[in-house]
């Protein structure tokens, strides 16, 4: 549960309880000590907000594939995944179709994806190009999200829209669930 939820979509992204909103309310009513949490949305840049909301704990990986190293997927996509790595965990995705899609390596021994996280895996395809798969972490486990069986070398551009849309849907679903939980708790008071 958060007192500063963020909502991300293709058309607009916003957050509640931002410093900007508090400063604006204080400017209008300086004597106010408490500020409404979910009444004053502030527009945020989608990539910046999404980056902070999807920050996750990395698994223990050798120093060569350090989990805290955020890497641009476009630079990795034309090479096979290194040994000892299960795939690439999506860390940031731009709202712009040609914008960055950044990942960290996910250790082979990582048990499963966290809720709403996306793992990409790719290998050379017998059909030519790359065989790319995406998996999504759900509460009960991982599910197959999509496959691109013979993707060209520029496959990050191909998967970008799917990853962006699913990430946005997961953020909206999380927000809606949190708002419902808060509403239910307030109704009990």
Protein backbone atom coordinates (compact mmCIF):
# COMPACT_ATOMS: atom_id res chain seq x y z
CA UNK A 1 0.00 0.00 0.00
CA UNK A 2 1.30 3.42 -0.86
CA UNK A 3 0.32 6.95 0.08
CA UNK A 4 1.94 8.13 -3.17
CA UNK A 5 0.44 5.96 -5.96
CA UNK A 6 1.46 6.47 -9.57
CA UNK A 7 -0.58 5.74 -12.71
CA UNK A 8 1.10 5.22 -16.08
CA UNK A 9 -0.54 5.13 -19.49
CA UNK A 10 0.36 6.00 -23.04
CA UNK A 11 -1.64 9.27 -22.99
CA UNK A 12 -0.81 10.62 -19.51
CA UNK A 13 1.01 9.52 -16.38
CA UNK A 14 0.39 11.03 -12.96
CA UNK A 15 1.03 10.57 -9.27
CA UNK A 16 -0.70 11.59 -6.06
CA UNK A 17 0.78 13.18 -2.95
CA UNK A 18 3.75 14.65 -4.77
CA UNK A 19 5.87 17.45 -3.35
CA UNK A 20 4.54 19.69 -6.15
CA UNK A 21 0.93 19.15 -5.02
CA UNK A 22 1.81 19.76 -1.36
CA UNK A 23 3.67 22.96 -2.26
CA UNK A 24 0.74 24.21 -4.35
CA UNK A 25 -1.77 23.55 -1.55
CA UNK A 26 0.56 25.21 0.99
CA UNK A 27 0.86 28.26 -1.27
CA UNK A 28 -2.93 28.61 -1.42
CA UNK A 29 -3.63 27.70 2.23
CA UNK A 30 -0.41 28.12 4.28
CA UNK A 31 -2.08 27.21 7.59
CA UNK A 32 -3.06 23.71 6.38
CA UNK A 33 -0.97 21.03 8.09
CA UNK A 34 -2.53 17.93 6.54
CA UNK A 35 -2.88 17.49 2.80
CA UNK A 36 -5.35 15.21 1.00
CA UNK A 37 -3.59 12.11 -0.32
CA UNK A 38 -5.69 11.17 -3.33
CA UNK A 39 -7.15 14.51 -4.39
CA UNK A 40 -4.34 16.28 -6.22
CA UNK A 41 -2.77 14.47 -9.17
CA UNK A 42 0.50 15.73 -10.62
CA UNK A 43 1.60 14.80 -14.14
CA UNK A 44 4.88 12.84 -14.23
CA UNK A 45 7.17 11.76 -17.02
CA UNK A 46 6.25 8.11 -17.77
CA UNK A 47 9.80 6.75 -17.96
CA UNK A 48 10.96 8.46 -14.76
CA UNK A 49 7.94 7.36 -12.75
CA UNK A 50 7.94 3.85 -14.13
CA UNK A 51 11.58 3.43 -13.33
CA UNK A 52 11.03 4.15 -9.65
CA UNK A 53 7.84 2.12 -9.36
CA UNK A 54 9.37 -0.97 -10.92
CA UNK A 55 12.59 -0.95 -8.98
CA UNK A 56 13.15 -4.50 -7.74
CA UNK A 57 15.65 -6.53 -5.77
CA UNK A 58 18.19 -8.33 -7.94
CA UNK A 59 19.21 -11.93 -7.49
CA UNK A 60 22.76 -12.95 -6.68
CA UNK A 61 24.63 -13.19 -9.97
CA UNK A 62 28.35 -13.35 -10.66
CA UNK A 63 30.11 -9.99 -10.90
CA UNK A 64 30.25 -10.38 -14.66
CA UNK A 65 26.43 -10.17 -14.76
CA UNK A 66 25.78 -7.94 -11.77
CA UNK A 67 22.03 -7.49 -11.14
CA UNK A 68 22.27 -3.80 -10.33
CA UNK A 69 23.74 -3.09 -13.77
CA UNK A 70 20.92 -1.72 -15.88
CA UNK A 71 21.75 -2.42 -19.50
CA UNK A 72 20.17 -1.19 -22.73
CA UNK A 73 18.47 -4.16 -24.37
CA UNK A 74 19.22 -2.87 -27.87
CA UNK A 75 22.94 -3.45 -27.25
CA UNK A 76 22.43 -7.02 -25.96
CA UNK A 77 19.87 -8.29 -28.45
CA UNK A 78 22.31 -9.45 -31.13
CA UNK A 79 24.24 -11.73 -28.76
CA UNK A 80 23.18 -14.92 -27.02
CA UNK A 81 22.28 -14.78 -23.34
CA UNK A 82 25.36 -15.48 -21.18
CA UNK A 83 25.79 -18.78 -19.32
CA UNK A 84 24.31 -18.82 -15.82
CA UNK A 85 21.60 -16.35 -16.75
CA UNK A 86 17.90 -17.21 -17.02
CA UNK A 87 17.00 -14.17 -19.08
CA UNK A 88 16.75 -10.42 -18.93
CA UNK A 89 14.46 -8.77 -16.40
CA UNK A 90 12.79 -5.63 -17.75
CA UNK A 91 13.66 -2.69 -15.49
CA UNK A 92 12.63 0.36 -17.55
CA UNK A 93 10.53 0.82 -20.63
CA UNK A 94 10.02 4.13 -22.38
CA UNK A 95 6.61 5.30 -23.55
CA UNK A 96 8.26 6.26 -26.83
CA UNK A 97 8.26 3.42 -29.42
CA UNK A 98 11.94 4.02 -30.20
CA UNK A 99 12.83 4.85 -26.60
CA UNK A 100 14.98 2.79 -24.27
CA UNK A 101 14.08 -0.62 -22.96
CA UNK A 102 16.52 -1.42 -20.15
CA UNK A 103 17.09 -4.76 -18.45
CA UNK A 104 19.20 -6.53 -15.85
CA UNK A 105 20.37 -10.12 -16.07
CA UNK A 106 18.33 -12.63 -14.07
CA UNK A 107 20.33 -15.43 -12.45
CA UNK A 108 19.56 -18.99 -13.55
CA UNK A 109 18.87 -19.99 -9.93
CA UNK A 110 16.21 -17.27 -9.42
CA UNK A 111 13.11 -19.28 -8.45
CA UNK A 112 10.40 -17.25 -10.22
CA UNK A 113 9.46 -13.78 -11.34
CA UNK A 114 8.00 -11.31 -8.89
CA UNK A 115 4.45 -10.11 -9.48
CA UNK A 116 4.08 -7.95 -12.64
CA UNK A 117 7.70 -8.42 -13.73
CA UNK A 118 8.60 -9.35 -17.30
CA UNK A 119 11.45 -11.68 -18.27
CA UNK A 120 12.76 -11.80 -21.83
CA UNK A 121 14.70 -14.74 -23.22
CA UNK A 122 16.22 -15.01 -26.67
CA UNK A 123 18.37 -17.42 -28.64
CA UNK A 124 19.29 -17.90 -32.28
CA UNK A 125 16.31 -19.33 -34.18
CA UNK A 126 16.49 -22.24 -36.61
CA UNK A 127 14.17 -20.17 -38.81
CA UNK A 128 16.73 -17.36 -38.93
CA UNK A 129 16.96 -14.34 -36.67
CA UNK A 130 16.12 -14.76 -33.00
CA UNK A 131 13.58 -16.79 -31.05
CA UNK A 132 12.32 -14.38 -28.40
CA UNK A 133 9.92 -15.21 -25.55
CA UNK A 134 8.45 -13.06 -22.83
CA UNK A 135 7.14 -14.31 -19.47
CA UNK A 136 5.08 -12.42 -16.91
CA UNK A 137 5.18 -12.91 -13.14
CA UNK A 138 1.77 -13.45 -11.56
CA UNK A 139 0.76 -14.17 -7.96
CA UNK A 140 0.62 -17.89 -8.67
CA UNK A 141 3.70 -18.17 -10.89
CA UNK A 142 5.03 -17.27 -14.29
CA UNK A 143 2.99 -17.33 -17.49
CA UNK A 144 4.04 -17.25 -21.12
CA UNK A 145 3.24 -13.76 -22.37
CA UNK A 146 4.37 -13.79 -26.01
CA UNK A 147 6.71 -15.36 -28.54
CA UNK A 148 8.44 -14.01 -31.61
CA UNK A 149 9.90 -17.12 -33.34
CA UNK A 150 12.02 -15.51 -36.07
CA UNK A 151 12.58 -11.95 -34.96
CA UNK A 152 15.10 -9.75 -36.80
CA UNK A 153 18.24 -8.40 -35.10
CA UNK A 154 16.29 -5.25 -34.21
CA UNK A 155 13.79 -7.33 -32.19
CA UNK A 156 13.75 -4.97 -29.16
CA UNK A 157 11.70 -2.56 -31.32
CA UNK A 158 9.34 -5.44 -32.12
CA UNK A 159 8.71 -6.42 -28.48
CA UNK A 160 8.74 -2.87 -27.09
CA UNK A 161 5.03 -2.15 -27.59
CA UNK A 162 3.95 -5.42 -25.92
CA UNK A 163 6.27 -4.89 -22.95
CA UNK A 164 5.14 -1.27 -22.57
CA UNK A 165 1.43 -2.11 -22.70
CA UNK A 166 1.66 -5.04 -20.27
CA UNK A 167 3.77 -3.00 -17.85
CA UNK A 168 1.17 -0.21 -17.94
CA UNK A 169 -1.70 -2.66 -17.43
CA UNK A 170 0.07 -4.24 -14.45
CA UNK A 171 0.69 -0.81 -12.89
CA UNK A 172 -2.97 0.16 -13.39
CA UNK A 173 -4.18 -3.15 -11.93
CA UNK A 174 -1.90 -2.74 -8.91
CA UNK A 175 -3.19 0.80 -8.39
CA UNK A 176 -6.81 -0.30 -8.68
CA UNK A 177 -6.28 -3.16 -6.20
CA UNK A 178 -4.56 -0.82 -3.73
CA UNK A 179 -7.36 1.75 -4.08
CA UNK A 180 -9.98 -0.95 -3.48
CA UNK A 181 -8.12 -2.20 -0.40
CA UNK A 182 -7.89 1.36 0.95
CA UNK A 183 -11.57 1.97 0.23
CA UNK A 184 -12.53 -1.24 2.04
CA UNK A 185 -10.41 -0.33 5.07
CA UNK A 186 -11.88 3.17 5.21
CA UNK A 187 -15.40 1.72 5.00
CA UNK A 188 -14.66 -0.36 8.12
CA UNK A 189 -13.64 2.68 10.18
